Amino acid sequence: MNQDLKIAIVVIAIILLVAIIESSPSQPSTSLDAMMSGNTSAATKTTTDVKSSRSEKSCHHNGIELKGSVQFVDSFPDLKIKYVSSFADIDVEFVSSFPSNCGQWQVVSSFPDFTVQVVDSFPDIEVKKVSSFPGMN
């Protein structure tokens, strides 16, 4: 009877572990499949890919890439922003040319990549002006 109880506990523990791993959004099912088949290198690679994608912050907001040429408008913007001095969503560096990195914005009067309206309340994102190291926070 004691051995049957141990087996039942182990089976229940395995079922719970599999359920937790499969329901976790941070770990793809391919990692679980690789571990079950004994292919630990594939499981390690997949887990590493997930960790690296978490450390890189997306430079997008509502499908808008937050780099490039920007035009400031008074109505119908793509994004509403609020300038803050701390705890910003993105640090923005205004450049005169080649806004190629995340958080680098070039102000233009025509043909912008996206439009922005500065507001005092209910912004889509909060922006901090910086002179170096732009990017998502």
C-alpha atoms as a PDB file:
ATOM      1  CA  MET A   1       0.000   0.000   0.000  1.00  0.00           C
ATOM      2  CA  ASN A   2       2.839   2.373   0.804  1.00  0.00           C
ATOM      3  CA  GLN A   3       4.406   1.877  -2.639  1.00  0.00           C
ATOM      4  CA  ASP A   4       1.052   2.460  -4.371  1.00  0.00           C
ATOM      5  CA  LEU A   5       0.686   5.744  -2.511  1.00  0.00           C
ATOM      6  CA  LYS A   6       4.166   6.862  -3.632  1.00  0.00           C
ATOM      7  CA  ILE A   7       3.371   6.010  -7.253  1.00  0.00           C
ATOM      8  CA  ALA A   8       0.088   7.923  -7.096  1.00  0.00           C
ATOM      9  CA  ILE A   9       1.839  10.982  -5.647  1.00  0.00           C
ATOM     10  CA  VAL A  10       4.513  10.903  -8.360  1.00  0.00           C
ATOM     11  CA  VAL A  11       1.889  10.574 -11.120  1.00  0.00           C
ATOM     12  CA  ILE A  12      -0.122  13.487  -9.734  1.00  0.00           C
ATOM     13  CA  ALA A  13       3.028  15.607  -9.414  1.00  0.00           C
ATOM     14  CA  ILE A  14       3.988  14.902 -13.031  1.00  0.00           C
ATOM     15  CA  ILE A  15       0.497  15.766 -14.268  1.00  0.00           C
ATOM     16  CA  LEU A  16       0.539  19.061 -12.337  1.00  0.00           C
ATOM     17  CA  LEU A  17       4.020  19.905 -13.618  1.00  0.00           C
ATOM     18  CA  VAL A  18       3.020  19.264 -17.239  1.00  0.00           C
ATOM     19  CA  ALA A  19      -0.148  21.352 -16.807  1.00  0.00           C
ATOM     20  CA  ILE A  20       1.825  24.260 -15.325  1.00  0.00           C
ATOM     21  CA  ILE A  21       4.469  24.162 -18.040  1.00  0.00           C
ATOM     22  CA  GLU A  22       1.929  23.985 -20.879  1.00  0.00           C
ATOM     23  CA  SER A  23      -0.181  26.832 -19.509  1.00  0.00           C
ATOM     24  CA  SER A  24       2.826  29.107 -18.955  1.00  0.00           C
ATOM     25  CA  PRO A  25       2.949  31.762 -21.758  1.00  0.00           C
ATOM     26  CA  SER A  26       6.658  32.344 -21.209  1.00  0.00           C
ATOM     27  CA  GLN A  27       7.681  28.848 -22.251  1.00  0.00           C
ATOM     28  CA  PRO A  28       6.738  27.531 -25.697  1.00  0.00           C
ATOM     29  CA  SER A  29       5.454  23.978 -26.044  1.00  0.00           C
ATOM     30  CA  THR A  30       8.431  23.053 -28.255  1.00  0.00           C
ATOM     31  CA  SER A  31      10.614  23.264 -25.158  1.00  0.00           C
ATOM     32  CA  LEU A  32       8.396  20.773 -23.332  1.00  0.00           C
ATOM     33  CA  ASP A  33       8.334  18.476 -26.361  1.00  0.00           C
ATOM     34  CA  ALA A  34      12.139  18.602 -26.586  1.00  0.00           C
ATOM     35  CA  MET A  35      12.541  17.808 -22.889  1.00  0.00           C
ATOM     36  CA  MET A  36      10.114  14.877 -23.113  1.00  0.00           C
ATOM     37  CA  SER A  37      11.977  13.413 -26.088  1.00  0.00           C
ATOM     38  CA  GLY A  38      15.309  13.769 -24.289  1.00  0.00           C
ATOM     39  CA  ASN A  39      16.673  16.445 -26.628  1.00  0.00           C
ATOM     40  CA  THR A  40      17.985  18.802 -23.954  1.00  0.00           C
ATOM     41  CA  SER A  41      19.982  20.946 -26.373  1.00  0.00           C
ATOM     42  CA  ALA A  42      16.814  21.927 -28.248  1.00  0.00           C
ATOM     43  CA  ALA A  43      15.040  22.612 -24.978  1.00  0.00           C
ATOM     44  CA  THR A  44      17.893  24.796 -23.748  1.00  0.00           C
ATOM     45  CA  LYS A  45      18.032  26.699 -27.039  1.00  0.00           C
ATOM     46  CA  THR A  46      14.300  27.404 -27.014  1.00  0.00           C
ATOM     47  CA  THR A  47      14.376  28.543 -23.396  1.00  0.00           C
ATOM     48  CA  THR A  48      17.360  30.798 -24.141  1.00  0.00           C
ATOM     49  CA  ASP A  49      15.507  32.323 -27.108  1.00  0.00           C
ATOM     50  CA  VAL A  50      12.546  33.122 -24.869  1.00  0.00           C
ATOM     51  CA  LYS A  51      14.780  34.728 -22.237  1.00  0.00           C
ATOM     52  CA  SER A  52      16.588  36.882 -24.802  1.00  0.00           C
ATOM     53  CA  SER A  53      13.330  38.060 -26.345  1.00  0.00           C
ATOM     54  CA  ARG A  54      12.126  39.117 -22.902  1.00  0.00           C
ATOM     55  CA  SER A  55      15.237  41.207 -22.268  1.00  0.00           C
ATOM     56  CA  GLU A  56      14.826  43.111 -25.537  1.00  0.00           C
ATOM     57  CA  LYS A  57      12.041  45.657 -25.208  1.00  0.00           C
ATOM     58  CA  SER A  58       9.856  46.262 -28.205  1.00  0.00           C
ATOM     59  CA  CYS A  59      10.165  49.665 -29.833  1.00  0.00           C
ATOM     60  CA  HIS A  60       6.528  49.618 -30.900  1.00  0.00           C
ATOM     61  CA  HIS A  61       3.306  51.008 -29.491  1.00  0.00           C
ATOM     62  CA  ASN A  62      -0.028  50.058 -31.070  1.00  0.00           C
ATOM     63  CA  GLY A  63       1.792  48.907 -34.195  1.00  0.00           C
ATOM     64  CA  ILE A  64       3.768  52.132 -34.567  1.00  0.00           C
ATOM     65  CA  GLU A  65       7.540  51.854 -34.598  1.00  0.00           C
ATOM     66  CA  LEU A  66       8.844  54.524 -32.211  1.00  0.00           C
ATOM     67  CA  LYS A  67      11.745  55.690 -34.352  1.00  0.00           C
ATOM     68  CA  GLY A  68      12.007  57.755 -37.482  1.00  0.00           C
ATOM     69  CA  SER A  69      10.508  61.002 -38.680  1.00  0.00           C
ATOM     70  CA  VAL A  70       7.738  62.514 -36.582  1.00  0.00           C
ATOM     71  CA  GLN A  71       5.344  65.386 -37.145  1.00  0.00           C
ATOM     72  CA  PHE A  72       3.695  67.228 -34.254  1.00  0.00           C
ATOM     73  CA  VAL A  73      -0.004  67.872 -34.862  1.00  0.00           C
ATOM     74  CA  ASP A  74      -2.913  69.432 -32.971  1.00  0.00           C
ATOM     75  CA  SER A  75      -5.523  66.822 -33.894  1.00  0.00           C
ATOM     76  CA  PHE A  76      -5.890  63.246 -35.113  1.00  0.00           C
ATOM     77  CA  PRO A  77      -2.444  61.997 -34.043  1.00  0.00           C
ATOM     78  CA  ASP A  78      -1.134  58.459 -34.315  1.00  0.00           C
ATOM     79  CA  LEU A  79       0.127  58.811 -30.716  1.00  0.00           C
ATOM     80  CA  LYS A  80      -0.618  61.090 -27.804  1.00  0.00           C
ATOM     81  CA  ILE A  81       2.459  61.769 -25.677  1.00  0.00           C
ATOM     82  CA  LYS A  82       3.163  63.500 -22.397  1.00  0.00           C
ATOM     83  CA  TYR A  83       6.602  64.813 -21.509  1.00  0.00           C
ATOM     84  CA  VAL A  84       7.835  63.639 -18.096  1.00  0.00           C
ATOM     85  CA  SER A  85      11.110  63.966 -16.217  1.00  0.00           C
ATOM     86  CA  SER A  86      11.122  60.459 -14.714  1.00  0.00           C
ATOM     87  CA  PHE A  87       9.532  57.034 -15.146  1.00  0.00           C
ATOM     88  CA  ALA A  88       8.996  57.481 -18.876  1.00  0.00           C
ATOM     89  CA  ASP A  89       7.898  54.703 -21.219  1.00  0.00           C
ATOM     90  CA  ILE A  90      10.531  55.785 -23.743  1.00  0.00           C
ATOM     91  CA  ASP A  91      13.596  58.033 -23.749  1.00  0.00           C
ATOM     92  CA  VAL A  92      13.624  60.111 -26.937  1.00  0.00           C
ATOM     93  CA  GLU A  93      16.599  61.796 -28.573  1.00  0.00           C
ATOM     94  CA  PHE A  94      15.702  64.381 -31.200  1.00  0.00           C
ATOM     95  CA  VAL A  95      18.178  64.131 -34.088  1.00  0.00           C
ATOM     96  CA  SER A  96      18.666  66.225 -37.211  1.00  0.00           C
ATOM     97  CA  SER A  97      19.225  63.237 -39.522  1.00  0.00           C
ATOM     98  CA  PHE A  98      19.212  59.438 -39.708  1.00  0.00           C
ATOM     99  CA  PRO A  99      16.763  58.484 -36.936  1.00  0.00           C
ATOM    100  CA  SER A 100      17.587  54.796 -37.223  1.00  0.00           C
ATOM    101  CA  ASN A 101      17.570  53.588 -33.595  1.00  0.00           C
ATOM    102  CA  CYS A 102      14.739  53.084 -31.158  1.00  0.00           C
ATOM    103  CA  GLY A 103      13.820  56.418 -29.568  1.00  0.00           C
ATOM    104  CA  GLN A 104      15.543  58.587 -32.154  1.00  0.00           C
ATOM    105  CA  TRP A 105      13.045  61.027 -33.640  1.00  0.00           C
ATOM    106  CA  GLN A 106      13.556  63.546 -36.412  1.00  0.00           C
ATOM    107  CA  VAL A 107      10.979  66.351 -36.484  1.00  0.00           C
ATOM    108  CA  VAL A 108       9.617  66.948 -40.000  1.00  0.00           C
ATOM    109  CA  SER A 109       6.802  69.048 -41.453  1.00  0.00           C
ATOM    110  CA  SER A 110       5.795  66.585 -44.174  1.00  0.00           C
ATOM    111  CA  PHE A 111       5.885  62.857 -44.905  1.00  0.00           C
ATOM    112  CA  PRO A 112       6.290  61.654 -41.302  1.00  0.00           C
ATOM    113  CA  ASP A 113       6.547  58.023 -40.246  1.00  0.00           C
ATOM    114  CA  PHE A 114       4.003  58.843 -37.523  1.00  0.00           C
ATOM    115  CA  THR A 115       2.273  61.870 -36.004  1.00  0.00           C
ATOM    116  CA  VAL A 116       2.274  62.955 -32.365  1.00  0.00           C
ATOM    117  CA  GLN A 117       0.144  65.252 -30.231  1.00  0.00           C
ATOM    118  CA  VAL A 118       1.486  66.542 -26.907  1.00  0.00           C
ATOM    119  CA  VAL A 119      -1.162  66.295 -24.163  1.00  0.00           C
ATOM    120  CA  ASP A 120      -1.273  66.905 -20.418  1.00  0.00           C
ATOM    121  CA  SER A 121      -3.567  64.022 -19.539  1.00  0.00           C
ATOM    122  CA  PHE A 122      -4.393  60.536 -20.822  1.00  0.00           C
ATOM    123  CA  PRO A 123      -1.322  60.021 -23.027  1.00  0.00           C
ATOM    124  CA  ASP A 124      -0.665  56.834 -24.975  1.00  0.00           C
ATOM    125  CA  ILE A 125       2.990  56.943 -23.884  1.00  0.00           C
ATOM    126  CA  GLU A 126       5.108  59.092 -21.593  1.00  0.00           C
ATOM    127  CA  VAL A 127       8.283  60.534 -23.111  1.00  0.00           C
ATOM    128  CA  LYS A 128      11.498  61.792 -21.570  1.00  0.00           C
ATOM    129  CA  LYS A 129      13.790  63.967 -23.714  1.00  0.00           C
ATOM    130  CA  VAL A 130      17.416  62.810 -23.562  1.00  0.00           C
ATOM    131  CA  SER A 131      20.612  63.760 -25.331  1.00  0.00           C
ATOM    132  CA  SER A 132      22.026  60.217 -25.346  1.00  0.00           C
ATOM    133  CA  PHE A 133      20.959  56.587 -24.877  1.00  0.00           C
ATOM    134  CA  PRO A 134      17.436  56.731 -26.315  1.00  0.00           C
ATOM    135  CA  GLY A 135      15.139  53.718 -26.167  1.00  0.00           C
ATOM    136  CA  MET A 136      12.344  51.925 -24.363  1.00  0.00           C
ATOM    137  CA  ASN A 137      12.381  51.691 -20.570  1.00  0.00           C
END
